[in-house]
Protein backbone atom coordinates (compact mmCIF):
# COMPACT_ATOMS: atom_id res chain seq x y z
CA MET A 1 13.43 -31.91 -18.44
CA LYS A 2 10.11 -32.01 -20.25
CA LEU A 3 7.07 -31.17 -18.18
CA SER A 4 3.99 -33.36 -18.04
CA ILE A 5 0.45 -32.03 -18.01
CA GLN A 6 -2.90 -33.57 -17.24
CA GLN A 7 -6.22 -31.79 -17.16
CA ASP A 8 -9.27 -32.23 -15.00
CA SER A 9 -11.95 -30.69 -17.19
CA ALA A 10 -14.59 -30.92 -14.45
CA THR A 11 -12.83 -28.32 -12.30
CA GLU A 12 -11.03 -26.44 -15.09
CA VAL A 13 -7.67 -26.96 -13.43
CA ALA A 14 -4.66 -28.14 -15.40
CA TRP A 15 -1.99 -30.05 -13.50
CA PHE A 16 1.69 -29.59 -14.27
CA ARG A 17 4.86 -31.17 -12.91
CA ASP A 18 8.04 -29.11 -13.03
CA PRO A 19 11.57 -30.46 -13.54
CA ALA A 20 12.02 -30.83 -9.76
CA ASP A 21 8.94 -33.11 -9.61
CA THR A 22 6.88 -30.41 -7.88
CA TRP A 23 3.24 -30.43 -8.93
CA PHE A 24 1.36 -27.18 -9.42
CA GLY A 25 -2.12 -26.30 -10.60
CA ALA A 26 -3.34 -23.76 -13.14
CA GLU A 27 -6.87 -22.42 -13.16
CA VAL A 28 -8.03 -22.37 -16.78
CA ILE A 29 -10.28 -19.59 -18.12
CA ARG A 30 -11.49 -19.10 -21.69
CA LEU A 31 -12.75 -15.66 -22.77
CA PRO A 32 -13.22 -13.72 -26.00
CA ARG A 33 -10.98 -10.88 -24.80
CA TRP A 34 -9.34 -9.25 -21.78
CA SER A 35 -11.60 -8.85 -18.73
CA GLU A 36 -11.18 -7.58 -15.19
CA GLN A 37 -12.35 -11.05 -14.16
CA LEU A 38 -8.81 -12.23 -14.87
CA LEU A 39 -7.53 -10.14 -11.95
CA SER A 40 -9.78 -11.73 -9.33
CA PRO A 41 -7.68 -13.31 -6.55
CA LEU A 42 -6.61 -16.90 -6.99
CA ASP A 43 -7.87 -19.53 -4.59
CA LEU A 44 -4.41 -20.81 -3.64
CA GLU A 45 -5.88 -23.99 -2.20
CA VAL A 46 -7.02 -24.86 -5.72
CA ALA A 47 -4.43 -23.42 -8.10
CA ASP A 48 -1.07 -21.64 -8.11
CA ILE A 49 -1.38 -19.77 -11.42
CA ARG A 50 -4.10 -18.78 -13.89
CA ILE A 51 -3.98 -19.49 -17.62
CA ALA A 52 -6.37 -17.44 -19.76
CA PHE A 53 -6.99 -18.47 -23.37
CA LEU A 54 -8.27 -15.39 -25.21
CA ASP A 55 -9.73 -15.19 -28.70
CA HIS A 56 -8.26 -11.70 -28.96
CA LEU A 57 -5.15 -10.81 -26.96
CA PRO A 58 -4.85 -7.17 -25.78
CA ASP A 59 -2.56 -4.88 -27.76
CA VAL A 60 1.02 -4.68 -26.56
CA ASP A 61 0.56 -1.08 -25.43
CA ALA A 62 -2.85 -1.70 -23.84
CA ASP A 63 -3.13 -0.88 -20.15
CA CYS A 64 -3.90 -4.41 -18.94
CA PRO A 65 -2.42 -5.28 -15.54
CA SER A 66 -0.67 -8.64 -15.49
CA PRO A 67 -0.07 -10.18 -12.05
CA PRO A 68 2.94 -12.53 -11.96
CA TRP A 69 0.67 -15.58 -11.64
CA LEU A 70 -1.44 -14.70 -14.71
CA CYS A 71 -0.61 -16.20 -18.10
CA LEU A 72 -2.34 -14.83 -21.23
CA LEU A 73 -2.32 -17.05 -24.31
CA PRO A 74 -4.11 -16.95 -27.68
CA ALA A 75 -6.97 -19.41 -27.84
CA PHE A 76 -5.39 -21.46 -30.62
CA SER A 77 -2.34 -22.22 -28.43
CA GLU A 78 -4.51 -24.57 -26.37
CA GLN A 79 -3.81 -27.08 -29.14
CA GLU A 80 -0.04 -26.60 -28.71
CA PRO A 81 0.93 -28.31 -25.42
CA ARG A 82 4.57 -27.24 -25.64
CA VAL A 83 3.59 -23.56 -25.73
CA VAL A 84 1.17 -23.99 -22.83
CA VAL A 85 3.70 -25.89 -20.72
CA GLU A 86 6.46 -23.32 -21.27
CA ALA A 87 4.14 -20.41 -20.44
CA ALA A 88 2.80 -22.20 -17.36
CA LEU A 89 6.31 -22.91 -16.10
CA GLU A 90 7.27 -19.26 -16.49
CA ALA A 91 4.19 -18.13 -14.54
CA TRP A 92 4.86 -20.80 -11.91
CA ARG A 93 8.38 -19.48 -11.34
CA ARG A 94 6.93 -15.99 -10.78
CA SER A 95 4.02 -17.13 -8.64
CA PRO A 96 4.00 -16.15 -4.93
CA SER A 97 2.99 -19.74 -4.17
CA PHE A 98 6.03 -21.21 -5.93
CA ARG A 99 7.37 -24.17 -3.95
CA ALA A 100 11.07 -24.92 -4.01
CA PRO A 101 12.17 -28.50 -4.71
CA GLY A 102 11.25 -30.85 -1.89
CA PRO A 103 10.15 -34.40 -1.14
CA SER A 104 8.30 -36.19 -3.91
CA PRO A 105 4.56 -36.92 -3.69
CA GLU A 106 5.49 -40.59 -3.49
CA ALA A 107 7.44 -39.95 -0.26
CA TYR A 108 4.35 -38.34 1.27
CA LEU A 109 2.11 -41.21 0.23
CA VAL A 110 4.51 -43.83 1.63
CA ALA A 111 4.76 -41.95 4.96
CA GLY A 112 0.98 -41.55 5.13
CA TYR A 113 0.35 -45.19 4.28
CA GLN A 114 2.81 -46.40 6.90
CA ALA A 115 1.09 -44.20 9.51
CA LEU A 116 -1.88 -46.57 9.18
CA CYS A 117 0.19 -49.51 10.46
CA PRO A 118 1.21 -48.93 14.14
CA PRO A 119 1.23 -50.76 16.47
CA HIS A 120 2.06 -53.30 13.75
CA PRO A 121 5.40 -53.12 11.88
CA PRO A 122 5.65 -50.66 8.99
CA CYS A 123 3.59 -51.69 5.98
CA ALA A 124 5.53 -52.40 2.81
CA PRO A 125 4.56 -49.95 0.04
CA GLY A 126 2.76 -51.66 -2.80
CA PRO A 127 0.42 -51.12 -5.75
CA GLY A 128 -2.64 -50.66 -3.52
CA MET A 129 -0.93 -48.17 -1.20
CA ARG A 130 -2.59 -45.03 -2.60
CA ASP A 131 -6.06 -46.62 -2.68
CA SER A 132 -5.79 -47.80 0.94
CA LEU A 133 -4.67 -44.37 2.12
CA MET A 134 -7.39 -42.54 0.19
CA GLU A 135 -10.04 -44.89 1.56
CA PHE A 136 -8.95 -43.99 5.10
CA LEU A 137 -9.05 -40.27 4.30
CA ARG A 138 -12.19 -40.04 2.17
CA ASP A 139 -14.86 -39.58 4.85
CA ARG A 140 -12.84 -37.29 7.11
CA SER A 141 -13.30 -33.58 7.61
CA GLY A 142 -10.84 -30.86 6.78
CA VAL A 143 -7.82 -31.17 4.55
CA LEU A 144 -7.40 -34.91 5.11
CA GLY A 145 -10.90 -35.57 3.84
CA ARG A 146 -10.33 -33.33 0.87
CA LEU A 147 -7.30 -35.41 -0.13
CA GLY A 148 -9.45 -38.52 -0.18
CA ARG A 149 -11.87 -36.93 -2.63
CA GLU A 150 -9.41 -35.26 -5.02
CA SER A 151 -7.83 -36.60 -8.19
CA ASP A 152 -4.36 -38.16 -8.01
CA ASP A 153 -2.77 -35.08 -9.59
CA SER A 154 -4.47 -32.76 -7.13
CA VAL A 155 -3.27 -34.92 -4.23
CA ASN A 156 0.28 -34.75 -5.58
CA ARG A 157 0.06 -30.95 -5.32
CA LEU A 158 -1.83 -30.68 -2.04
CA VAL A 159 0.50 -32.81 0.09
CA ARG A 160 3.32 -30.36 -0.62
CA LEU A 161 1.02 -27.38 -0.15
CA PHE A 162 -0.27 -28.32 3.31
CA TRP A 163 2.58 -30.33 4.89
CA ARG A 164 6.22 -29.30 4.96
CA THR A 165 7.57 -32.85 5.16
CA PRO A 166 6.29 -36.43 4.75
CA ASP A 167 6.74 -36.88 8.52
CA ASP A 168 4.35 -33.97 9.14
CA PHE A 169 1.79 -35.66 6.89
CA ALA A 170 2.21 -38.97 8.71
CA ASP A 171 1.81 -37.18 12.06
CA GLU A 172 -1.50 -35.68 10.89
CA ILE A 173 -2.78 -39.14 10.00
CA LEU A 174 -1.65 -40.55 13.35
CA ARG A 175 -3.55 -37.73 15.06
CA ALA A 176 -6.67 -38.70 13.12
CA ARG A 177 -6.24 -42.29 14.26
CA ILE A 178 -5.82 -41.16 17.89
CA ARG A 179 -9.10 -39.22 17.66
CA ASP A 180 -10.76 -42.33 16.23
CA ALA A 181 -9.48 -44.29 19.24
CA GLY A 182 -11.01 -41.82 21.72
CA GLY A 183 -7.79 -39.98 22.45
CA ARG A 184 -8.95 -36.44 21.70
CA GLY A 185 -8.18 -35.39 25.29
CA SER A 186 -4.62 -36.68 24.95
CA LEU A 187 -4.14 -34.64 21.80
CA GLN A 188 -5.45 -31.51 23.51
CA LEU A 189 -3.02 -32.06 26.38
CA VAL A 190 -0.10 -32.43 23.97
CA GLU A 191 -1.21 -29.33 22.07
CA PHE A 192 -1.22 -27.42 25.37
CA LEU A 193 2.36 -28.49 26.08
CA GLU A 194 3.46 -27.60 22.55
CA ALA A 195 1.98 -24.10 22.91
CA ALA A 196 3.39 -23.54 26.41
CA GLU A 197 6.40 -21.51 25.35
CA ILE A 198 8.83 -20.58 28.13
CA ALA A 199 11.39 -17.80 27.76
CA PRO A 200 14.84 -19.45 27.73
CA GLU A 201 16.51 -16.67 29.72
CA THR A 202 14.43 -17.25 32.88
CA PRO A 203 16.24 -19.62 35.28
CA GLU A 204 13.25 -19.76 37.64
CA HIS A 205 11.32 -21.63 34.95
CA ALA A 206 14.18 -23.81 33.69
CA ILE A 207 12.87 -26.97 35.38
CA LEU A 208 9.44 -26.49 33.83
CA ALA A 209 11.05 -26.08 30.41
CA ARG A 210 13.17 -29.23 30.74
CA GLU A 211 10.21 -31.28 31.96
CA ARG A 212 8.08 -30.05 29.08
CA ASP A 213 10.65 -31.13 26.50
CA ALA A 214 11.03 -34.55 28.12
CA LEU A 215 7.27 -35.10 28.24
CA LEU A 216 6.77 -34.11 24.61
CA ALA A 217 9.41 -36.65 23.59
CA ARG A 218 7.35 -39.37 25.30
CA LEU A 219 3.99 -38.11 24.03
CA SER A 220 4.57 -38.45 20.30
CA THR A 221 1.71 -39.61 18.11
CA LEU A 222 3.65 -42.75 17.26
CA ALA A 223 4.24 -43.57 20.95
CA TYR A 224 0.46 -43.55 21.51
CA PHE A 225 0.31 -46.78 19.50
CA THR A 226 3.75 -48.33 20.01
CA GLN A 227 4.35 -47.55 23.72
CA PRO A 228 0.86 -47.16 25.21
CA SER A 229 1.84 -47.82 28.85
CA ASP A 230 4.63 -45.26 28.87
CA TYR A 231 2.39 -42.83 26.99
CA ASP A 232 -0.27 -43.10 29.70
CA ARG A 233 2.31 -42.51 32.45
CA ALA A 234 3.66 -39.48 30.61
CA ALA A 235 0.13 -38.12 30.12
CA ALA A 236 -0.50 -38.34 33.88
CA LEU A 237 2.73 -36.43 34.53
CA ALA A 238 1.72 -33.89 31.89
CA LEU A 239 -1.52 -33.13 33.74
CA ASP A 240 0.48 -32.27 36.86
CA TRP A 241 2.91 -30.24 34.73
CA ARG A 242 0.03 -28.25 33.26
CA ASP A 243 -1.22 -27.31 36.74
CA ARG A 244 2.24 -26.12 37.80
CA TYR A 245 2.69 -24.22 34.56
CA LEU A 246 -0.65 -22.43 34.97
CA ARG A 247 0.24 -21.39 38.53
CA ALA A 248 3.50 -19.88 37.29
CA TYR A 249 1.75 -18.29 34.32
CA ARG A 250 -0.89 -16.61 36.51
CA LEU A 251 1.83 -14.97 38.61
CA HIS A 252 3.72 -13.84 35.52
CA TYR A 253 0.58 -12.50 33.89
CA ARG A 254 -0.27 -10.45 36.99
CA THR A 255 3.22 -8.93 36.76
CA VAL A 256 2.64 -8.11 33.10
CA MET A 257 -0.71 -6.47 33.83
CA ALA A 258 0.77 -4.38 36.64
CA ALA A 259 3.57 -3.24 34.31
CA ALA A 260 1.04 -2.44 31.58
CA HIS A 261 -1.08 -0.30 33.92
CA GLU A 262 2.06 1.48 35.15
CA MET A 263 3.19 2.12 31.58
CA VAL A 264 -0.16 3.67 30.68
CA LEU A 265 0.27 6.07 33.60
CA ASP A 266 3.93 6.81 32.81
CA THR A 267 3.18 7.67 29.19
CA ALA A 268 -0.03 9.58 29.85
CA THR A 269 1.57 12.98 29.23
CA ALA A 270 2.87 11.89 25.83
CA ALA A 271 -0.44 10.20 24.97
CA ARG A 272 -2.42 13.34 25.79
CA ALA A 273 -0.06 15.37 23.62
CA LEU A 274 -0.60 13.27 20.50
CA PRO A 275 -3.36 15.51 19.04
CA GLU A 276 -1.16 18.58 19.60
CA LEU A 277 1.81 16.93 17.85
CA GLU A 278 -0.33 15.86 14.91
CA ALA A 279 -1.69 19.41 14.54
CA LEU A 280 1.82 20.91 14.65
CA ASN A 281 3.01 18.44 12.03
CA LEU A 282 0.27 19.67 9.70
CA THR A 283 1.49 23.26 9.88
CA GLY A 284 5.27 22.78 9.83
CA SER A 285 7.98 20.31 8.95
CA PRO A 286 6.74 17.00 10.41
CA VAL A 287 8.75 15.47 13.22
CA GLY A 288 7.90 12.52 15.47
CA ALA A 289 5.03 11.23 13.31
CA ASP A 290 6.36 7.67 13.37
CA ALA A 291 6.82 7.82 17.15
CA ALA A 292 3.24 9.03 17.56
CA LEU A 293 1.95 6.09 15.55
CA ARG A 294 4.13 3.63 17.49
CA LEU A 295 2.96 5.00 20.84
CA ARG A 296 -0.69 4.89 19.84
CA ARG A 297 -0.43 1.29 18.65
CA ALA A 298 1.59 0.08 21.64
CA LEU A 299 -0.87 1.59 24.11
CA GLU A 300 -3.81 0.13 22.18
CA ARG A 301 -2.29 -3.34 22.38
CA LEU A 302 -1.51 -2.98 26.09
CA GLY A 303 -5.04 -1.73 26.68
CA CYS A 304 -6.47 -4.83 24.99
CA LEU A 305 -4.80 -7.28 27.39
CA PRO A 306 -7.50 -9.29 29.23
CA GLU A 307 -7.54 -8.85 32.99
CA GLY A 308 -7.18 -12.59 33.60
CA ILE A 309 -5.69 -15.55 31.79
CA ASP A 310 -7.49 -18.07 29.60
CA GLU A 311 -7.31 -21.19 31.77
CA GLN A 312 -7.86 -23.47 28.76
CA SER A 313 -4.95 -22.07 26.76
CA ALA A 314 -1.21 -22.15 27.28
CA GLN A 315 -0.94 -18.45 26.47
CA THR A 316 -3.17 -15.41 26.84
CA ALA A 317 -2.79 -12.57 24.34
CA GLY A 318 0.52 -14.05 23.18
CA ILE A 319 2.24 -13.46 26.53
CA VAL A 320 5.17 -15.88 26.99
CA LEU A 321 5.98 -17.19 30.46
CA GLY A 322 9.02 -15.33 31.79
CA GLN A 323 8.99 -12.66 29.08
CA MET A 324 7.58 -9.14 29.24
CA PRO A 325 5.64 -8.01 26.15
CA PRO A 326 7.72 -5.85 23.77
CA ASP A 327 4.97 -3.22 23.74
CA LEU A 328 6.13 -2.07 27.18
CA ALA A 329 9.55 -1.01 25.90
CA GLU A 330 8.02 0.23 22.65
CA ALA A 331 5.60 2.51 24.50
CA ARG A 332 8.35 3.95 26.71
CA LEU A 333 10.68 4.69 23.78
CA ALA A 334 7.90 6.08 21.59
CA ALA A 335 6.62 8.33 24.40
CA ALA A 336 10.11 9.79 24.88
CA ALA A 337 10.34 10.42 21.13
CA VAL A 338 6.93 12.14 21.11
CA LEU A 339 7.95 14.49 23.92
CA ALA A 340 11.24 15.20 22.14
CA ALA A 341 9.32 16.05 18.96
CA LEU A 342 7.19 18.52 20.91
CA GLU A 343 10.40 20.12 22.19
CA VAL A 344 11.58 20.52 18.60
CA HIS A 345 8.35 22.29 17.68
CA ALA A 346 8.66 24.50 20.78
CA ARG A 347 12.18 25.56 19.79
CA ARG A 348 10.96 26.33 16.29
CA ARG A 349 8.21 28.56 17.63
CA ALA A 350 10.75 30.35 19.83
CA ARG A 351 12.67 31.36 16.68
CA PRO A 352 10.04 33.21 14.64
CA GLY A 353 12.65 34.56 12.22
CA ARG A 354 13.16 31.11 10.65
CA ALA A 355 10.48 29.77 8.38
CA HIS A 356 9.67 26.11 8.51
CA SER A 357 7.65 24.69 5.71
CA ARG A 358 6.53 21.12 5.23
CA SER A 359 9.02 19.03 3.28
């Protein structure tokens, strides 16, 4: 399938569409010859690859690094679209930001446009669909506002870059409409529930988990407009759920902190021995170096746990309700390995006849 290309000369970005109808952007640079400037990191929110048109290409054996997303072309090839398109497609396939085939830009625009309709029936897509959607987005902040100010080709790329599916894009627009309607508090409550992860293997919290899932099903962004009465009832229940969740979370967090303090005490001998192990590893065949690093990092993370929970957040320091942090087990195992490594060094010293050199 032949690729299409359009260029926005104001921003020096060329827009391409691959055979799977995925749009990607190429930053365009024109220089006399190779320059370290070509290796500067790409702004992946703007472009996926970089095309450099050079008056003089580097020699084949020249030591010029070529990242996978960089495409070097002779300046005259800018007048040969087929050459540019083929080179851009090759760089796109190598690019870390390559996006596999997915929904078309049109599917995103239809979903976004129809998100403007509730509580009314879905709007029929038509010729003015894109203009209506962009008008809604233009004066907003963040990514949505950026869409409203970009060219059509840039929008075709950005919707796939920032939203996994058209439904995700529509949900973002519905959230913007809820904020416009004064529902910011409702969104914050829903975000709390979404972040309130509960370990599935804890039966004592099973009721909380089931209630959370049921409430989230009733508190969708679409339900805010189409089922306002039920949404309000669910929001009231969610406030009570949040209070009960926080009570359970405080108890669990206290258990975690007690276990963390106990672990620091239990591994104190191994922690104090870390400098000795590191010194021994410098003079003989290293052993236990990985365990020493693991112990140090696990204890650092445990030591950084706040003494109390963040009452405004569903989680504090990533602690999941009903689940002990993996650093507890990691510290215990690493400490045992550190002490075992010291035993190895002690046995080596007890056998002076054998030489041990660093490998």
